[in-house]
Amino acid sequence: MDSLAVVSAWFDKAGTASMELPTGWFGRPHDNMHRLTWSAVRDDKVLLELDGQLHLVLADVEIVADTAPLLALQCSQLVFDWRESGSSRRRHAEIRTAGGVVKFHASGH
């Protein structure tokens, strides 16, 4: 099964998940829950959209774990682009050329 199929199947079962980037948690652990709203594969990259506003581009993805409550994706590079919610809607981007592991923790775990 390819990496996109694994990610889609995991989110289908989990519903929502908190996100832990190689640099730390995005938001409060197990408090900010995200839903996969779109995904695609392009060349060697997996593109993920969460909540219609958080965008991850992961290069050379390898599945490290895919059993609830954890989905862990090893990548060689990542770009994380997001906007703040609320009135300011400031845009942020994190680029990690060293890669690392992105973890999704299913809700209720």
N, C-alpha and C. Protein backbone atom coordinates (compact mmCIF):
# COMPACT_ATOMS: atom_id res chain seq x y z
N MET A 1 0.85 -1.18 0.00
CA MET A 1 0.00 0.00 0.00
C MET A 1 0.89 1.24 0.00
N ASP A 2 0.57 2.21 -0.84
CA ASP A 2 1.41 3.41 -0.90
C ASP A 2 1.15 4.32 0.30
N SER A 3 2.05 5.26 0.52
CA SER A 3 1.98 6.11 1.71
C SER A 3 0.69 6.93 1.78
N LEU A 4 0.20 7.42 0.66
CA LEU A 4 -1.04 8.21 0.67
C LEU A 4 -2.22 7.34 1.08
N ALA A 5 -2.26 6.12 0.60
CA ALA A 5 -3.35 5.21 0.97
C ALA A 5 -3.31 4.90 2.47
N VAL A 6 -2.12 4.74 3.02
CA VAL A 6 -1.96 4.48 4.45
C VAL A 6 -2.46 5.68 5.26
N VAL A 7 -2.05 6.88 4.87
CA VAL A 7 -2.46 8.10 5.57
C VAL A 7 -3.98 8.26 5.50
N SER A 8 -4.55 8.10 4.33
CA SER A 8 -6.01 8.25 4.17
C SER A 8 -6.77 7.23 4.99
N ALA A 9 -6.33 5.98 4.96
CA ALA A 9 -7.00 4.93 5.73
C ALA A 9 -6.89 5.20 7.23
N TRP A 10 -5.73 5.67 7.68
CA TRP A 10 -5.55 5.95 9.10
C TRP A 10 -6.49 7.06 9.55
N PHE A 11 -6.56 8.15 8.78
CA PHE A 11 -7.46 9.26 9.14
C PHE A 11 -8.92 8.85 9.02
N ASP A 12 -9.26 7.97 8.08
CA ASP A 12 -10.64 7.48 7.98
C ASP A 12 -11.04 6.79 9.28
N LYS A 13 -10.13 6.02 9.87
CA LYS A 13 -10.41 5.33 11.13
C LYS A 13 -10.35 6.27 12.33
N ALA A 14 -9.32 7.12 12.36
CA ALA A 14 -9.09 7.99 13.52
C ALA A 14 -10.05 9.17 13.58
N GLY A 15 -10.43 9.69 12.42
CA GLY A 15 -11.28 10.88 12.39
C GLY A 15 -10.47 12.14 12.55
N THR A 16 -10.04 12.42 13.77
CA THR A 16 -9.23 13.61 14.04
C THR A 16 -7.97 13.21 14.79
N ALA A 17 -6.97 14.10 14.72
CA ALA A 17 -5.70 13.82 15.38
C ALA A 17 -4.97 15.11 15.72
N SER A 18 -4.18 15.06 16.77
CA SER A 18 -3.28 16.17 17.06
C SER A 18 -1.99 15.92 16.29
N MET A 19 -1.21 16.98 16.07
CA MET A 19 -0.03 16.87 15.21
C MET A 19 1.23 17.26 15.96
N GLU A 20 2.24 16.41 15.84
CA GLU A 20 3.55 16.65 16.43
C GLU A 20 4.57 16.71 15.30
N LEU A 21 5.13 17.88 15.09
CA LEU A 21 6.15 18.09 14.06
C LEU A 21 7.53 17.74 14.62
N PRO A 22 8.55 17.61 13.78
CA PRO A 22 9.89 17.35 14.30
C PRO A 22 10.36 18.41 15.29
N THR A 23 9.83 19.62 15.20
CA THR A 23 10.21 20.71 16.09
C THR A 23 9.32 20.82 17.32
N GLY A 24 8.30 19.97 17.42
CA GLY A 24 7.41 19.98 18.58
C GLY A 24 5.94 19.97 18.17
N TRP A 25 5.09 20.03 19.17
CA TRP A 25 3.64 19.98 18.95
C TRP A 25 3.14 21.23 18.25
N PHE A 26 2.17 21.05 17.36
CA PHE A 26 1.46 22.18 16.77
C PHE A 26 0.22 22.38 17.63
N GLY A 27 0.24 23.44 18.42
CA GLY A 27 -0.83 23.66 19.40
C GLY A 27 -0.59 22.81 20.63
N ARG A 28 -1.60 22.75 21.46
CA ARG A 28 -1.48 21.98 22.69
C ARG A 28 -1.67 20.50 22.40
N PRO A 29 -0.80 19.67 22.94
CA PRO A 29 -0.90 18.22 22.70
C PRO A 29 -2.27 17.67 23.07
N HIS A 30 -2.83 16.90 22.17
CA HIS A 30 -4.12 16.23 22.35
C HIS A 30 -5.27 17.20 22.60
N ASP A 31 -5.07 18.48 22.38
CA ASP A 31 -6.11 19.48 22.57
C ASP A 31 -6.56 20.03 21.21
N ASN A 32 -5.62 20.33 20.35
CA ASN A 32 -5.94 20.81 19.00
C ASN A 32 -6.06 19.60 18.08
N MET A 33 -7.28 19.32 17.65
CA MET A 33 -7.53 18.13 16.84
C MET A 33 -7.80 18.55 15.40
N HIS A 34 -7.20 17.83 14.47
CA HIS A 34 -7.26 18.19 13.06
C HIS A 34 -7.84 17.05 12.23
N ARG A 35 -8.53 17.41 11.17
CA ARG A 35 -9.14 16.45 10.25
C ARG A 35 -8.46 16.58 8.89
N LEU A 36 -8.18 15.46 8.26
CA LEU A 36 -7.61 15.46 6.92
C LEU A 36 -8.71 15.87 5.94
N THR A 37 -8.50 16.99 5.23
CA THR A 37 -9.53 17.49 4.31
C THR A 37 -9.16 17.31 2.84
N TRP A 38 -7.89 17.02 2.56
CA TRP A 38 -7.46 16.80 1.18
C TRP A 38 -6.07 16.19 1.22
N SER A 39 -5.75 15.38 0.22
CA SER A 39 -4.41 14.81 0.14
C SER A 39 -4.11 14.43 -1.30
N ALA A 40 -2.82 14.39 -1.63
CA ALA A 40 -2.39 14.02 -2.98
C ALA A 40 -0.93 13.59 -2.92
N VAL A 41 -0.51 12.92 -3.99
CA VAL A 41 0.90 12.56 -4.17
C VAL A 41 1.35 13.19 -5.47
N ARG A 42 2.53 13.77 -5.44
CA ARG A 42 3.10 14.39 -6.63
C ARG A 42 4.58 14.06 -6.63
N ASP A 43 5.04 13.33 -7.63
CA ASP A 43 6.43 12.88 -7.70
C ASP A 43 6.79 12.16 -6.40
N ASP A 44 7.77 12.65 -5.65
CA ASP A 44 8.19 12.00 -4.41
C ASP A 44 7.62 12.70 -3.17
N LYS A 45 6.57 13.47 -3.36
CA LYS A 45 6.01 14.26 -2.26
C LYS A 45 4.58 13.83 -1.93
N VAL A 46 4.27 13.87 -0.63
CA VAL A 46 2.91 13.68 -0.15
C VAL A 46 2.43 15.04 0.32
N LEU A 47 1.27 15.47 -0.18
CA LEU A 47 0.68 16.76 0.18
C LEU A 47 -0.54 16.49 1.04
N LEU A 48 -0.59 17.11 2.22
CA LEU A 48 -1.70 16.91 3.14
C LEU A 48 -2.28 18.25 3.52
N GLU A 49 -3.61 18.33 3.51
CA GLU A 49 -4.32 19.52 3.98
C GLU A 49 -5.15 19.09 5.18
N LEU A 50 -5.00 19.83 6.27
CA LEU A 50 -5.76 19.59 7.49
C LEU A 50 -6.67 20.78 7.74
N ASP A 51 -7.92 20.50 8.05
CA ASP A 51 -8.90 21.54 8.40
C ASP A 51 -9.08 22.59 7.31
N GLY A 52 -8.71 22.29 6.09
CA GLY A 52 -8.87 23.24 4.99
C GLY A 52 -7.93 24.43 5.06
N GLN A 53 -6.95 24.42 5.99
CA GLN A 53 -6.07 25.58 6.11
C GLN A 53 -4.64 25.29 6.53
N LEU A 54 -4.35 24.07 6.96
CA LEU A 54 -2.98 23.70 7.32
C LEU A 54 -2.46 22.82 6.20
N HIS A 55 -1.28 23.15 5.66
CA HIS A 55 -0.75 22.41 4.52
C HIS A 55 0.65 21.87 4.82
N LEU A 56 0.80 20.57 4.62
CA LEU A 56 2.09 19.90 4.79
C LEU A 56 2.53 19.33 3.46
N VAL A 57 3.79 19.56 3.12
CA VAL A 57 4.40 18.92 1.95
C VAL A 57 5.57 18.11 2.51
N LEU A 58 5.49 16.79 2.35
CA LEU A 58 6.49 15.88 2.89
C LEU A 58 7.19 15.17 1.74
N ALA A 59 8.52 15.19 1.72
CA ALA A 59 9.29 14.54 0.65
C ALA A 59 9.81 13.18 1.11
N ASP A 60 9.81 12.22 0.20
CA ASP A 60 10.37 10.89 0.45
C ASP A 60 9.79 10.25 1.72
N VAL A 61 8.49 10.15 1.77
CA VAL A 61 7.81 9.66 2.97
C VAL A 61 7.99 8.15 3.15
N GLU A 62 8.28 7.79 4.40
CA GLU A 62 8.29 6.39 4.82
C GLU A 62 7.38 6.28 6.04
N ILE A 63 6.53 5.28 6.05
CA ILE A 63 5.63 5.07 7.17
C ILE A 63 6.43 4.41 8.30
N VAL A 64 6.46 5.06 9.47
CA VAL A 64 7.16 4.51 10.63
C VAL A 64 6.17 3.73 11.50
N ALA A 65 4.96 4.27 11.67
CA ALA A 65 3.90 3.61 12.45
C ALA A 65 2.56 4.02 11.86
N ASP A 66 1.63 3.07 11.78
CA ASP A 66 0.31 3.39 11.24
C ASP A 66 -0.81 2.64 11.95
N THR A 67 -0.61 2.37 13.23
CA THR A 67 -1.62 1.70 14.02
C THR A 67 -2.11 2.65 15.09
N ALA A 68 -3.45 2.84 15.14
CA ALA A 68 -4.02 3.75 16.13
C ALA A 68 -3.45 3.40 17.50
N PRO A 69 -3.08 4.36 18.26
CA PRO A 69 -3.42 5.78 18.10
C PRO A 69 -2.37 6.62 17.38
N LEU A 70 -1.36 6.00 16.75
CA LEU A 70 -0.25 6.78 16.20
C LEU A 70 -0.04 6.53 14.70
N LEU A 71 0.12 7.64 13.97
CA LEU A 71 0.60 7.61 12.59
C LEU A 71 1.89 8.41 12.58
N ALA A 72 2.99 7.80 12.19
CA ALA A 72 4.29 8.49 12.17
C ALA A 72 4.87 8.39 10.77
N LEU A 73 5.23 9.55 10.20
CA LEU A 73 5.74 9.63 8.84
C LEU A 73 7.15 10.21 8.85
N GLN A 74 8.12 9.43 8.43
CA GLN A 74 9.49 9.90 8.28
C GLN A 74 9.60 10.57 6.92
N CYS A 75 10.25 11.74 6.86
CA CYS A 75 10.43 12.43 5.58
C CYS A 75 11.81 13.05 5.51
N SER A 76 12.29 13.27 4.28
CA SER A 76 13.61 13.86 4.10
C SER A 76 13.56 15.38 4.17
N GLN A 77 12.41 15.97 3.86
CA GLN A 77 12.18 17.42 3.94
C GLN A 77 10.71 17.65 4.22
N LEU A 78 10.41 18.82 4.81
CA LEU A 78 9.00 19.16 4.97
C LEU A 78 8.80 20.67 4.92
N VAL A 79 7.64 21.03 4.43
CA VAL A 79 7.18 22.41 4.44
C VAL A 79 5.83 22.38 5.12
N PHE A 80 5.65 23.26 6.11
CA PHE A 80 4.37 23.37 6.82
C PHE A 80 3.92 24.82 6.69
N ASP A 81 2.81 25.02 6.00
CA ASP A 81 2.26 26.35 5.74
C ASP A 81 0.90 26.42 6.42
N TRP A 82 0.69 27.48 7.23
CA TRP A 82 -0.59 27.59 7.93
C TRP A 82 -0.93 29.04 8.22
N ARG A 83 -2.21 29.26 8.45
CA ARG A 83 -2.71 30.58 8.84
C ARG A 83 -3.31 30.50 10.23
N GLU A 84 -3.13 31.58 10.96
CA GLU A 84 -3.76 31.66 12.27
C GLU A 84 -5.26 31.74 12.09
N SER A 85 -5.98 31.16 13.02
CA SER A 85 -7.43 31.32 12.98
C SER A 85 -7.77 32.64 13.67
N GLY A 86 -8.97 33.11 13.45
CA GLY A 86 -9.37 34.39 14.03
C GLY A 86 -9.26 35.52 13.03
N SER A 87 -9.21 36.73 13.54
CA SER A 87 -9.29 37.90 12.67
C SER A 87 -7.99 38.22 11.95
N SER A 88 -6.83 37.94 12.55
CA SER A 88 -5.57 38.35 11.92
C SER A 88 -5.21 37.47 10.72
N ARG A 89 -5.46 36.19 10.83
CA ARG A 89 -5.19 35.23 9.76
C ARG A 89 -3.78 35.38 9.19
N ARG A 90 -2.82 35.72 10.05
CA ARG A 90 -1.43 35.81 9.60
C ARG A 90 -0.95 34.47 9.09
N ARG A 91 -0.15 34.50 8.03
CA ARG A 91 0.39 33.28 7.42
C ARG A 91 1.75 32.96 8.03
N HIS A 92 1.99 31.67 8.21
CA HIS A 92 3.26 31.19 8.74
C HIS A 92 3.77 30.06 7.85
N ALA A 93 5.07 29.87 7.82
CA ALA A 93 5.65 28.75 7.08
C ALA A 93 6.87 28.25 7.84
N GLU A 94 6.96 26.94 7.91
CA GLU A 94 8.12 26.29 8.52
C GLU A 94 8.72 25.39 7.45
N ILE A 95 9.99 25.54 7.21
CA ILE A 95 10.69 24.72 6.22
C ILE A 95 11.77 23.95 6.96
N ARG A 96 11.76 22.65 6.79
CA ARG A 96 12.75 21.81 7.47
C ARG A 96 13.45 20.95 6.42
N THR A 97 14.65 21.36 6.05
CA THR A 97 15.39 20.63 5.02
C THR A 97 16.06 19.37 5.58
N ALA A 98 16.16 19.28 6.91
CA ALA A 98 16.75 18.09 7.53
C ALA A 98 15.71 16.98 7.69
N GLY A 99 14.46 17.27 7.39
CA GLY A 99 13.42 16.27 7.53
C GLY A 99 13.13 15.93 8.97
N GLY A 100 12.69 14.71 9.19
CA GLY A 100 12.34 14.27 10.53
C GLY A 100 11.07 13.44 10.49
N VAL A 101 10.45 13.31 11.65
CA VAL A 101 9.23 12.50 11.77
C VAL A 101 8.06 13.41 12.15
N VAL A 102 6.98 13.30 11.38
CA VAL A 102 5.73 13.98 11.70
C VAL A 102 4.81 12.92 12.28
N LYS A 103 4.25 13.22 13.47
CA LYS A 103 3.38 12.25 14.15
C LYS A 103 1.98 12.81 14.29
N PHE A 104 1.02 11.94 14.06
CA PHE A 104 -0.39 12.26 14.31
C PHE A 104 -0.88 11.34 15.41
N HIS A 105 -1.51 11.93 16.41
CA HIS A 105 -2.01 11.19 17.56
C HIS A 105 -3.54 11.23 17.52
N ALA A 106 -4.16 10.06 17.41
CA ALA A 106 -5.63 10.00 17.31
C ALA A 106 -6.28 10.55 18.57
N SER A 107 -7.46 11.12 18.39
CA SER A 107 -8.20 11.69 19.50
C SER A 107 -8.57 10.60 20.50
N GLY A 108 -8.62 11.01 21.77
CA GLY A 108 -8.99 10.09 22.82
C GLY A 108 -7.88 9.16 23.25
N HIS A 109 -6.64 9.41 22.79
CA HIS A 109 -5.53 8.53 23.15
C HIS A 109 -4.39 9.35 23.73
